[in-house]
Amino acid sequence: MAVYNYDVIVIGTGPAGEGAAMNAAKHGKKVAVVEDQRSVGGNCTHKGTIPSKALRHAVKQIIQFNTNRMFRDIGEPRWFSFPKVLERSKRVIEKQVSLRTGFYARNRADVFFGKARFVDPHTIEVRDFHGGIEFLKAQKIIIASGSSPYRPADINFDHPRIYCSDSILSLSHTPRSIIIYGAGVIGCEYASIFSGLGVKVDLIDNRDRLLSFLDDEISDGLSYHLRNNGVLIRHNEEYEKVEVVEQGVTLHLQSGKKLKADAFMWCNGRTGNTAELALENIGLEANSRGQLQVDDHYRTAIPHIYAAGDVIGWPSLASASYDQGRSAAADFLEEPDFRFIDDVPTGIYTIPEISSIGKTERELTEAKVPYEVGQAFFRTLARAQITGEPVGMLKILFHRETLEILGIHCFGDQASEIVHIGQAVMAQKGEGNTLKYFINTTFNYPTMAEAYRVAAINGLNRVF
C-alpha cells in the first residue's frame, strides 16, 4: 500500500473541486485530486448541468425547426426520439472531459480515481475500481464531493420505468407520457425538455406556485408557458406511493388522485455525497441531507478541512460552486481577494429560460423599500422579432429616489446571458449603480441587450 504526501487533497472534480485544485496548484502547492467516477468533471459534467443543458439546446432547435414556417420549404415537421437527442449531450460531455483532463495535467495535479474515505484528519484512503488501496496525506483537505438525487427508500428506482435525474440519462426510448414529481429547477427543466419532444407531461408540485424564490411575475410567466406547451401542473400535492402497473406507472397522491403514465421521474431534492467518506473517523457529521456546515471561509468544524459546492447546500449552482472552491483554497493560501459567495445570478434553463439577481418585488415590498419597475417586452425588440423569439421580458427594479438598481429579472431567450449586463452595473459602488447608466449608454442595435435601455426609459417614465 503506497502512501503519498501532498500539500492539498481535493475530494471531487466537479466545479468546486476543480476551482480549488487549480487555485492551489497555480500557487505552487502540490495537489492531489480524488474522483469516484472514471473520468474528471464530477456530476456536473456527467449527470447534471452539461447533459441536461445540451439536451435542452437540442430540443430547442427541434422546436424551432418544427414551428418555423421557413423550414417548411425543405421538409415537414420531424419527430426526434429522446435517445437520438441524448447523443448530442454525450458528444459535449466527451469534449468537456478532454478539456478538464488537460487542466489537471498542465497544472501537474495528480488525479486518483476511486472512492475516498477519511482515515484520520490528515489522511485519505483511496480504493480504486480494482480494489487497490492508496493513502494520501496532506495539511489541507477540501471536500467537494457534490450531491446526488435524493431517492426515497419506498420507491423502486431499479425498475425500468422509474427514474431520477441521474438515471433519466440512460432512458433508451421515448415515453408517450411521463410524470415528473418535484417542480424545482430540475423538474421544470425536464418538463420543458420532454414537452418539447411531444411527450405528455404531468408536473407535480408540493408548493402552491412554481419556483417560489423567483419574482412572482416571472414564476407566473413560467407556469403559463409550460401549460401552453402541454405540461399539466398540479400544485399542493404530496405523493403517497408509486406503483408499477401493467404497461406503466401509477402515482398515488395523498389527495386521493391517481395518475398513470409510461414513465415516472423523481426530481424532489438532492443529498450531499458524504455517506461514504467515513466522516465519523474525524468527528465531522453531515446534516439529514448529507450536507456539511461551514463558516464564512468555507472551513468545517475542523479548521484545516474545508468544504465547497453542492455538499454544503445553497445555492447548489455550478457557477457558484466553482467560485466557492477557488475561495476555499484562497483562504488557506491567504490571498487578499478572498470572498464569500453570497450573491450569484440564478440561471434556470427551462424553455424559455430564466435568470435573475437581486431582490424581488415581494422582498422589496416586505422591506418597505420605495421601488419602481421598468419593463421591456421581447416582442417589441427588433432582435427578438428577427430571431423569432418574441416570448419574454426584462424587468428592472430600482429605488424611486436614488435610482439604484435593486433587482434584475429576465424571462425568455438568452436570459442567462442578458442578466450579466445588469449584474455588472449592480456591482458598481455608489453612483455607479444607477438606472441612468442604461439611459446614457448606447447599445448595439438590434440586440437583446437593448432591452435594458427600453426598460430603463419605461421605468423612468413612471417616476418623472
Protein backbone atom coordinates (compact mmCIF):
# COMPACT_ATOMS: atom_id res chain seq x y z
CA MET A 1 0.00 0.00 0.00
CA ALA A 2 1.52 3.24 -1.21
CA VAL A 3 1.48 6.45 0.86
CA TYR A 4 1.77 9.84 -0.88
CA ASN A 5 2.30 13.23 0.71
CA TYR A 6 0.73 16.43 -0.63
CA ASP A 7 0.10 19.99 0.41
CA VAL A 8 -3.59 19.80 -0.54
CA ILE A 9 -6.08 16.99 -1.19
CA VAL A 10 -9.31 17.79 -3.02
CA ILE A 11 -12.14 15.25 -2.97
CA GLY A 12 -14.18 15.63 -6.17
CA THR A 13 -13.51 17.06 -9.64
CA GLY A 14 -16.76 18.94 -10.21
CA PRO A 15 -16.76 22.75 -10.41
CA ALA A 16 -15.90 23.24 -6.71
CA GLY A 17 -13.12 20.65 -6.74
CA GLU A 18 -11.66 21.96 -9.97
CA GLY A 19 -11.75 25.55 -8.74
CA ALA A 20 -9.98 24.61 -5.51
CA ALA A 21 -7.39 22.36 -7.18
CA MET A 22 -6.50 24.86 -9.91
CA ASN A 23 -6.14 27.76 -7.48
CA ALA A 24 -3.90 25.76 -5.14
CA ALA A 25 -1.79 24.34 -7.99
CA LYS A 26 -1.25 27.75 -9.58
CA HIS A 27 0.11 28.96 -6.23
CA GLY A 28 2.76 26.27 -6.23
CA LYS A 29 1.06 23.74 -3.97
CA LYS A 30 1.42 20.00 -4.53
CA VAL A 31 -2.17 18.90 -5.18
CA ALA A 32 -3.91 15.52 -5.26
CA VAL A 33 -7.46 15.15 -6.50
CA VAL A 34 -9.72 12.14 -5.89
CA GLU A 35 -12.60 11.34 -8.25
CA ASP A 36 -15.01 8.42 -7.79
CA GLN A 37 -16.05 8.32 -11.45
CA ARG A 38 -13.82 7.02 -14.24
CA SER A 39 -13.09 10.47 -15.66
CA VAL A 40 -12.95 14.02 -14.30
CA GLY A 41 -15.77 16.54 -14.32
CA GLY A 42 -17.97 15.33 -11.48
CA ASN A 43 -21.73 15.04 -11.64
CA CYS A 44 -21.89 18.49 -13.23
CA THR A 45 -20.24 17.17 -16.39
CA HIS A 46 -21.54 13.61 -16.44
CA LYS A 47 -25.04 13.70 -14.96
CA GLY A 48 -26.22 17.24 -14.28
CA THR A 49 -25.54 20.63 -15.79
CA ILE A 50 -23.80 19.68 -19.03
CA PRO A 51 -26.01 16.82 -20.27
CA SER A 52 -29.28 18.49 -19.27
CA LYS A 53 -28.36 21.82 -20.88
CA ALA A 54 -27.12 20.09 -24.03
CA LEU A 55 -30.41 18.17 -24.13
CA ARG A 56 -32.34 21.37 -23.69
CA HIS A 57 -30.46 23.10 -26.52
CA ALA A 58 -31.10 20.21 -28.91
CA VAL A 59 -34.81 20.19 -28.06
CA LYS A 60 -35.00 23.95 -28.58
CA GLN A 61 -33.50 23.52 -32.06
CA ILE A 62 -36.11 20.85 -32.83
CA ILE A 63 -38.90 23.18 -31.70
CA GLN A 64 -37.51 25.98 -33.88
CA PHE A 65 -37.37 23.70 -36.92
CA ASN A 66 -40.87 22.36 -36.38
CA THR A 67 -42.51 25.75 -35.77
CA ASN A 68 -40.64 28.00 -38.23
CA ARG A 69 -42.61 28.34 -41.49
CA MET A 70 -39.44 29.00 -43.44
CA PHE A 71 -38.31 25.40 -42.88
CA ARG A 72 -41.48 24.02 -44.45
CA ASP A 73 -39.83 24.71 -47.81
CA ILE A 74 -37.32 21.95 -47.08
CA GLY A 75 -39.48 19.46 -45.23
CA GLU A 76 -42.34 18.73 -42.90
CA PRO A 77 -42.05 18.86 -39.08
CA ARG A 78 -39.98 15.97 -37.75
CA TRP A 79 -40.19 13.81 -34.65
CA PHE A 80 -36.99 13.07 -32.74
CA SER A 81 -36.56 10.35 -30.12
CA PHE A 82 -35.11 11.02 -26.68
CA PRO A 83 -32.11 8.68 -27.25
CA LYS A 84 -31.33 10.48 -30.51
CA VAL A 85 -31.30 13.85 -28.76
CA LEU A 86 -29.24 12.35 -25.95
CA GLU A 87 -26.43 11.55 -28.39
CA ARG A 88 -25.66 15.25 -28.72
CA SER A 89 -25.17 15.69 -24.99
CA LYS A 90 -22.74 12.76 -24.91
CA ARG A 91 -20.54 14.45 -27.50
CA VAL A 92 -20.46 17.60 -25.37
CA ILE A 93 -19.55 15.53 -22.28
CA GLU A 94 -16.60 13.99 -24.14
CA LYS A 95 -15.31 17.44 -25.09
CA GLN A 96 -15.70 18.69 -21.52
CA VAL A 97 -13.85 15.69 -20.07
CA SER A 98 -10.98 16.14 -22.54
CA LEU A 99 -10.73 19.84 -21.74
CA ARG A 100 -10.76 19.35 -17.95
CA THR A 101 -8.35 16.44 -18.03
CA GLY A 102 -5.92 18.84 -19.69
CA PHE A 103 -6.34 21.34 -16.86
CA TYR A 104 -5.06 18.85 -14.27
CA ALA A 105 -2.22 17.66 -16.50
CA ARG A 106 -0.98 21.17 -17.31
CA ASN A 107 -1.07 22.21 -13.66
CA ARG A 108 0.60 18.96 -12.52
CA ALA A 109 -2.20 18.00 -10.15
CA ASP A 110 -2.28 14.25 -9.54
CA VAL A 111 -5.68 12.64 -10.12
CA PHE A 112 -6.61 9.44 -8.28
CA PHE A 113 -9.70 7.56 -9.47
CA GLY A 114 -11.56 5.67 -6.76
CA LYS A 115 -13.56 6.01 -3.54
CA ALA A 116 -12.18 8.37 -0.90
CA ARG A 117 -12.65 7.90 2.82
CA PHE A 118 -11.05 9.54 5.84
CA VAL A 119 -8.62 7.52 7.95
CA ASP A 120 -7.73 10.45 10.20
CA PRO A 121 -7.95 14.26 9.88
CA HIS A 122 -4.92 14.39 7.57
CA THR A 123 -5.14 11.03 5.75
CA ILE A 124 -7.39 9.88 2.93
CA GLU A 125 -7.73 6.26 1.81
CA VAL A 126 -8.44 5.81 -1.92
CA ARG A 127 -9.81 2.47 -3.07
CA ASP A 128 -9.66 2.16 -6.87
CA PHE A 129 -12.02 0.24 -9.16
CA HIS A 130 -9.91 -2.93 -8.90
CA GLY A 131 -9.71 -3.00 -5.10
CA GLY A 132 -6.27 -1.41 -4.84
CA ILE A 133 -5.70 0.93 -1.91
CA GLU A 134 -3.51 4.03 -1.66
CA PHE A 135 -3.14 6.53 1.16
CA LEU A 136 -2.85 10.29 0.66
CA LYS A 137 -1.68 12.69 3.37
CA ALA A 138 -1.97 16.49 3.35
CA GLN A 139 -2.04 19.55 5.60
CA LYS A 140 -5.20 20.90 3.93
CA ILE A 141 -8.20 18.94 2.63
CA ILE A 142 -11.14 20.26 0.63
CA ILE A 143 -14.34 18.21 0.42
CA ALA A 144 -16.05 18.94 -2.90
CA SER A 145 -17.85 15.64 -3.37
CA GLY A 146 -21.03 17.19 -4.80
CA SER A 147 -24.56 15.83 -4.47
CA SER A 148 -26.86 13.14 -5.85
CA PRO A 149 -30.63 12.92 -6.30
CA TYR A 150 -32.49 12.12 -3.11
CA ARG A 151 -34.10 8.70 -3.62
CA PRO A 152 -36.81 7.65 -1.12
CA ALA A 153 -36.45 4.07 0.08
CA ASP A 154 -40.09 3.24 -0.73
CA ILE A 155 -39.64 3.88 -4.47
CA ASN A 156 -38.06 1.15 -6.62
CA PHE A 157 -35.53 3.05 -8.72
CA ASP A 158 -34.23 -0.23 -10.17
CA HIS A 159 -37.44 -0.62 -12.17
CA PRO A 160 -37.01 0.32 -15.86
CA ARG A 161 -39.97 2.74 -15.76
CA ILE A 162 -38.82 4.70 -12.70
CA TYR A 163 -36.05 7.31 -12.95
CA CYS A 164 -34.26 10.07 -11.09
CA SER A 165 -32.41 12.99 -12.70
CA ASP A 166 -29.26 10.82 -12.98
CA SER A 167 -30.78 7.63 -14.38
CA ILE A 168 -33.00 9.51 -16.85
CA LEU A 169 -29.85 9.91 -18.93
CA SER A 170 -29.96 6.17 -19.61
CA LEU A 171 -33.54 6.28 -20.92
CA SER A 172 -33.40 4.20 -24.11
CA HIS A 173 -36.79 5.08 -25.59
CA THR A 174 -39.24 7.97 -25.79
CA PRO A 175 -42.23 7.51 -23.47
CA ARG A 176 -45.60 8.74 -24.64
CA SER A 177 -46.24 10.20 -21.18
CA ILE A 178 -44.22 10.91 -18.05
CA ILE A 179 -44.97 12.02 -14.50
CA ILE A 180 -42.32 14.33 -13.02
CA TYR A 181 -42.58 14.54 -9.24
CA GLY A 182 -40.94 17.70 -7.93
CA ALA A 183 -41.28 21.09 -9.59
CA GLY A 184 -37.98 22.62 -8.56
CA VAL A 185 -35.38 23.80 -11.05
CA ILE A 186 -34.52 20.30 -12.31
CA GLY A 187 -38.16 19.21 -12.55
CA CYS A 188 -39.16 22.32 -14.51
CA GLU A 189 -36.18 21.96 -16.87
CA TYR A 190 -37.01 18.33 -17.67
CA ALA A 191 -40.70 19.19 -18.05
CA SER A 192 -39.61 21.65 -20.78
CA ILE A 193 -37.37 19.06 -22.42
CA PHE A 194 -39.95 16.28 -22.56
CA SER A 195 -42.85 18.51 -23.60
CA GLY A 196 -40.61 19.87 -26.37
CA LEU A 197 -40.29 16.30 -27.66
CA GLY A 198 -44.04 15.90 -27.71
CA VAL A 199 -44.27 13.82 -24.52
CA LYS A 200 -47.35 14.28 -22.34
CA VAL A 201 -46.05 15.66 -19.01
CA ASP A 202 -47.67 15.78 -15.57
CA LEU A 203 -45.59 18.05 -13.29
CA ILE A 204 -46.33 17.55 -9.60
CA ASP A 205 -45.51 20.45 -7.27
CA ASN A 206 -45.76 20.20 -3.48
CA ARG A 207 -45.96 24.01 -3.21
CA ASP A 208 -48.62 26.49 -4.31
CA ARG A 209 -46.54 28.05 -7.12
CA LEU A 210 -43.57 27.16 -9.31
CA LEU A 211 -40.11 28.22 -8.11
CA SER A 212 -41.43 30.49 -5.37
CA PHE A 213 -37.96 32.05 -4.86
CA LEU A 214 -38.40 33.84 -8.20
CA ASP A 215 -40.14 37.15 -8.76
CA ASP A 216 -43.88 36.38 -8.83
CA GLU A 217 -44.36 37.74 -12.36
CA ILE A 218 -41.53 35.56 -13.69
CA SER A 219 -42.90 32.49 -11.89
CA ASP A 220 -46.33 33.16 -13.39
CA GLY A 221 -44.77 33.51 -16.84
CA LEU A 222 -43.07 30.13 -16.50
CA SER A 223 -46.31 28.48 -15.41
CA TYR A 224 -48.18 29.95 -18.37
CA HIS A 225 -45.65 28.85 -20.97
CA LEU A 226 -45.23 25.35 -19.55
CA ARG A 227 -49.00 24.94 -19.68
CA ASN A 228 -49.07 26.46 -23.16
CA ASN A 229 -46.61 23.75 -24.23
CA GLY A 230 -48.82 20.99 -22.89
CA VAL A 231 -47.49 20.48 -19.36
CA LEU A 232 -50.19 19.79 -16.78
CA ILE A 233 -49.07 21.34 -13.46
CA ARG A 234 -50.61 20.09 -10.21
CA HIS A 235 -49.85 22.22 -7.14
CA ASN A 236 -50.02 21.41 -3.41
CA GLU A 237 -49.71 17.65 -3.92
CA GLU A 238 -47.74 15.05 -1.94
CA TYR A 239 -47.07 11.50 -3.04
CA GLU A 240 -48.37 8.51 -1.12
CA LYS A 241 -46.80 5.73 -3.18
CA VAL A 242 -45.52 4.89 -6.64
CA GLU A 243 -46.93 1.69 -8.08
CA VAL A 244 -45.73 -0.17 -11.16
CA VAL A 245 -48.70 -1.47 -13.13
CA GLU A 246 -49.13 -3.21 -16.44
CA GLN A 247 -47.69 -1.02 -19.22
CA GLY A 248 -46.97 1.89 -16.92
CA VAL A 249 -46.57 3.55 -13.52
CA THR A 250 -49.31 4.86 -11.25
CA LEU A 251 -48.62 7.69 -8.83
CA HIS A 252 -50.93 7.72 -5.81
CA LEU A 253 -51.24 11.19 -4.26
CA GLN A 254 -52.27 11.95 -0.69
CA SER A 255 -55.18 13.97 -2.10
CA GLY A 256 -56.65 10.74 -3.45
CA LYS A 257 -55.69 11.34 -7.08
CA LYS A 258 -54.19 8.53 -9.16
CA LEU A 259 -52.07 9.43 -12.17
CA LYS A 260 -50.81 6.92 -14.72
CA ALA A 261 -48.00 7.36 -17.25
CA ASP A 262 -45.48 5.35 -19.23
CA ALA A 263 -42.63 6.58 -17.02
CA PHE A 264 -42.04 8.27 -13.67
CA MET A 265 -39.23 10.69 -12.82
CA TRP A 266 -38.38 11.72 -9.26
CA CYS A 267 -36.96 15.27 -9.01
CA ASN A 268 -37.60 16.16 -5.40
CA GLY A 269 -34.41 17.09 -3.56
CA ARG A 270 -30.72 16.25 -3.57
CA THR A 271 -28.38 14.75 -0.99
CA GLY A 272 -24.76 15.67 -0.33
CA ASN A 273 -22.30 12.92 -1.22
CA THR A 274 -20.88 12.34 2.26
CA ALA A 275 -22.22 8.91 3.27
CA GLU A 276 -19.09 7.02 2.10
CA LEU A 277 -16.45 9.49 3.35
CA ALA A 278 -16.23 7.91 6.83
CA LEU A 279 -16.68 11.30 8.47
CA GLU A 280 -17.09 9.54 11.81
CA ASN A 281 -13.35 8.83 11.74
CA ILE A 282 -12.61 12.54 12.03
CA GLY A 283 -15.52 13.69 14.17
CA LEU A 284 -17.46 15.50 11.43
CA GLU A 285 -21.18 14.98 11.00
CA ALA A 286 -23.35 15.79 7.99
CA ASN A 287 -26.95 17.01 8.41
CA SER A 288 -30.03 15.00 7.41
CA ARG A 289 -29.49 15.98 3.76
CA GLY A 290 -25.88 14.79 3.76
CA GLN A 291 -24.57 18.37 3.76
CA LEU A 292 -21.65 19.82 5.71
CA GLN A 293 -21.80 23.05 7.67
CA VAL A 294 -19.06 25.59 7.00
CA ASP A 295 -18.20 29.08 8.26
CA ASP A 296 -17.84 32.18 6.09
CA HIS A 297 -14.38 30.97 5.00
CA TYR A 298 -15.61 27.51 3.93
CA ARG A 299 -13.99 25.84 6.96
CA THR A 300 -15.74 22.90 8.60
CA ALA A 301 -15.61 22.28 12.35
CA ILE A 302 -12.07 21.00 11.72
CA PRO A 303 -10.16 24.16 10.67
CA HIS A 304 -7.84 22.55 8.10
CA ILE A 305 -10.72 20.70 6.39
CA TYR A 306 -12.79 22.81 4.00
CA ALA A 307 -15.96 22.08 2.03
CA ALA A 308 -17.44 23.76 -1.05
CA GLY A 309 -20.05 23.22 -3.75
CA ASP A 310 -23.26 21.20 -3.56
CA VAL A 311 -22.00 19.33 -0.50
CA ILE A 312 -22.59 22.49 1.60
CA GLY A 313 -26.06 23.20 0.15
CA TRP A 314 -27.25 26.60 -1.10
CA PRO A 315 -27.05 27.80 -3.79
CA SER A 316 -26.07 24.48 -5.43
CA LEU A 317 -25.19 26.10 -8.74
CA ALA A 318 -22.19 25.09 -10.86
CA SER A 319 -21.22 28.75 -11.26
CA ALA A 320 -21.23 29.37 -7.50
CA SER A 321 -19.51 26.05 -6.77
CA TYR A 322 -16.51 26.93 -8.92
CA ASP A 323 -16.07 30.24 -7.09
CA GLN A 324 -16.60 28.58 -3.70
CA GLY A 325 -13.83 26.10 -4.47
CA ARG A 326 -11.48 28.88 -5.53
CA SER A 327 -12.33 30.84 -2.39
CA ALA A 328 -11.81 27.83 -0.11
CA ALA A 329 -8.29 27.47 -1.48
CA ALA A 330 -7.80 31.25 -1.35
CA ASP A 331 -8.42 31.17 2.40
CA PHE A 332 -5.55 28.86 3.32
CA LEU A 333 -3.40 30.43 0.60
CA GLU A 334 -4.07 33.74 2.42
CA GLU A 335 -4.98 35.52 -0.80
CA PRO A 336 -6.04 39.13 -0.22
CA ASP A 337 -9.02 38.89 -2.60
CA PHE A 338 -10.86 36.10 -0.74
CA ARG A 339 -14.63 36.45 -0.96
CA PHE A 340 -17.60 34.57 0.44
CA ILE A 341 -20.01 33.72 -2.38
CA ASP A 342 -23.42 35.04 -1.36
CA ASP A 343 -24.74 36.97 -4.37
CA VAL A 344 -24.99 34.92 -7.54
CA PRO A 345 -27.36 35.09 -10.52
CA THR A 346 -29.97 32.39 -10.85
CA GLY A 347 -29.88 30.55 -14.17
CA ILE A 348 -32.80 28.22 -14.97
CA TYR A 349 -32.70 26.51 -18.35
CA THR A 350 -36.37 25.93 -18.98
CA ILE A 351 -37.86 26.80 -22.37
CA PRO A 352 -37.87 29.83 -22.29
CA GLU A 353 -35.02 30.26 -19.82
CA ILE A 354 -34.95 32.39 -16.67
CA SER A 355 -32.26 34.37 -14.90
CA SER A 356 -32.30 36.88 -12.08
CA ILE A 357 -30.17 38.62 -9.50
CA GLY A 358 -31.01 40.87 -6.57
CA LYS A 359 -34.31 41.48 -4.82
CA THR A 360 -37.80 40.50 -5.95
CA GLU A 361 -40.86 42.75 -5.78
CA ARG A 362 -42.17 40.69 -2.87
CA GLU A 363 -38.96 41.14 -0.88
CA LEU A 364 -38.81 44.88 -1.52
CA THR A 365 -42.47 45.32 -0.57
CA GLU A 366 -42.00 43.40 2.70
CA ALA A 367 -38.91 45.52 3.47
CA LYS A 368 -40.90 48.70 2.69
CA VAL A 369 -38.33 49.87 0.15
CA PRO A 370 -39.74 52.56 -2.21
CA TYR A 371 -39.04 50.91 -5.55
CA GLU A 372 -40.29 51.23 -9.10
CA VAL A 373 -40.38 48.87 -12.10
CA GLY A 374 -39.02 49.22 -15.62
CA GLN A 375 -40.11 46.66 -18.20
CA ALA A 376 -39.15 45.69 -21.72
CA PHE A 377 -41.16 43.01 -23.50
CA PHE A 378 -39.16 40.99 -26.00
CA ARG A 379 -41.95 41.10 -28.58
CA THR A 380 -41.15 44.81 -29.05
CA LEU A 381 -37.42 44.26 -29.70
CA ALA A 382 -36.19 44.10 -33.26
CA ARG A 383 -33.65 41.37 -32.45
CA ALA A 384 -36.33 39.13 -30.92
CA GLN A 385 -38.54 39.67 -33.96
CA ILE A 386 -35.65 38.74 -36.27
CA THR A 387 -34.75 35.57 -34.34
CA GLY A 388 -38.38 34.56 -33.91
CA GLU A 389 -38.07 34.55 -30.10
CA PRO A 390 -40.71 37.10 -29.00
CA VAL A 391 -41.59 35.41 -25.70
CA GLY A 392 -40.22 37.03 -22.58
CA MET A 393 -39.37 40.23 -20.77
CA LEU A 394 -36.67 42.08 -18.88
CA LYS A 395 -37.66 43.64 -15.59
CA ILE A 396 -35.55 46.18 -13.68
CA LEU A 397 -36.40 47.01 -10.07
CA PHE A 398 -34.89 50.29 -8.86
CA HIS A 399 -35.12 52.73 -5.96
CA ARG A 400 -37.54 55.56 -6.72
CA GLU A 401 -35.36 58.26 -5.19
CA THR A 402 -31.75 57.23 -5.82
CA LEU A 403 -32.44 55.17 -8.99
CA GLU A 404 -30.18 52.45 -7.56
CA ILE A 405 -30.81 49.10 -9.27
CA LEU A 406 -32.16 46.61 -6.75
CA GLY A 407 -33.02 43.61 -8.89
CA ILE A 408 -32.85 42.27 -12.44
CA HIS A 409 -35.31 39.61 -13.60
CA CYS A 410 -35.31 38.17 -17.10
CA PHE A 411 -37.52 35.57 -18.77
CA GLY A 412 -37.02 34.47 -22.36
CA ASP A 413 -34.39 33.57 -24.94
CA GLN A 414 -30.80 34.20 -23.75
CA ALA A 415 -31.99 35.31 -20.28
CA SER A 416 -28.95 33.75 -18.59
CA GLU A 417 -26.68 35.86 -20.82
CA ILE A 418 -28.69 39.08 -20.67
CA VAL A 419 -28.74 39.20 -16.85
CA HIS A 420 -24.97 39.70 -16.62
CA ILE A 421 -25.20 43.23 -18.02
CA GLY A 422 -27.42 44.25 -15.13
CA GLN A 423 -25.23 42.29 -12.70
CA ALA A 424 -22.16 44.26 -13.78
CA VAL A 425 -23.90 47.58 -13.17
CA MET A 426 -25.33 46.47 -9.81
CA ALA A 427 -21.80 45.56 -8.68
CA GLN A 428 -20.61 49.18 -9.05
CA LYS A 429 -20.23 51.27 -5.92
CA GLY A 430 -22.22 54.38 -5.10
CA GLU A 431 -23.46 56.38 -8.07
CA GLY A 432 -22.02 53.79 -10.46
CA ASN A 433 -25.11 51.67 -9.83
CA THR A 434 -27.94 53.69 -11.28
CA LEU A 435 -30.73 53.35 -13.82
CA LYS A 436 -29.22 56.28 -15.71
CA TYR A 437 -26.38 54.07 -16.94
CA PHE A 438 -28.78 52.30 -19.28
CA ILE A 439 -30.31 55.54 -20.49
CA ASN A 440 -26.97 57.28 -21.12
CA THR A 441 -25.27 54.27 -22.77
CA THR A 442 -25.58 53.49 -26.49
CA PHE A 443 -26.38 49.83 -27.13
CA ASN A 444 -25.84 47.99 -30.39
CA TYR A 445 -28.98 47.73 -32.49
CA PRO A 446 -30.59 45.31 -32.98
CA THR A 447 -29.58 43.34 -29.87
CA MET A 448 -31.27 41.73 -26.90
CA ALA A 449 -29.14 43.97 -24.64
CA GLU A 450 -31.16 46.91 -25.93
CA ALA A 451 -33.89 45.67 -23.59
CA TYR A 452 -32.05 47.45 -20.77
CA ARG A 453 -32.44 50.84 -22.46
CA VAL A 454 -36.12 50.19 -23.19
CA ALA A 455 -36.80 49.02 -19.62
CA ALA A 456 -34.86 51.91 -18.10
CA ILE A 457 -36.81 54.52 -20.06
CA ASN A 458 -40.05 52.74 -19.20
CA GLY A 459 -39.14 52.84 -15.51
CA LEU A 460 -38.00 56.44 -15.54
CA ASN A 461 -41.32 57.47 -17.08
CA ARG A 462 -43.06 56.05 -14.01
CA VAL A 463 -41.01 58.27 -11.71
CA PHE A 464 -40.98 61.61 -13.55
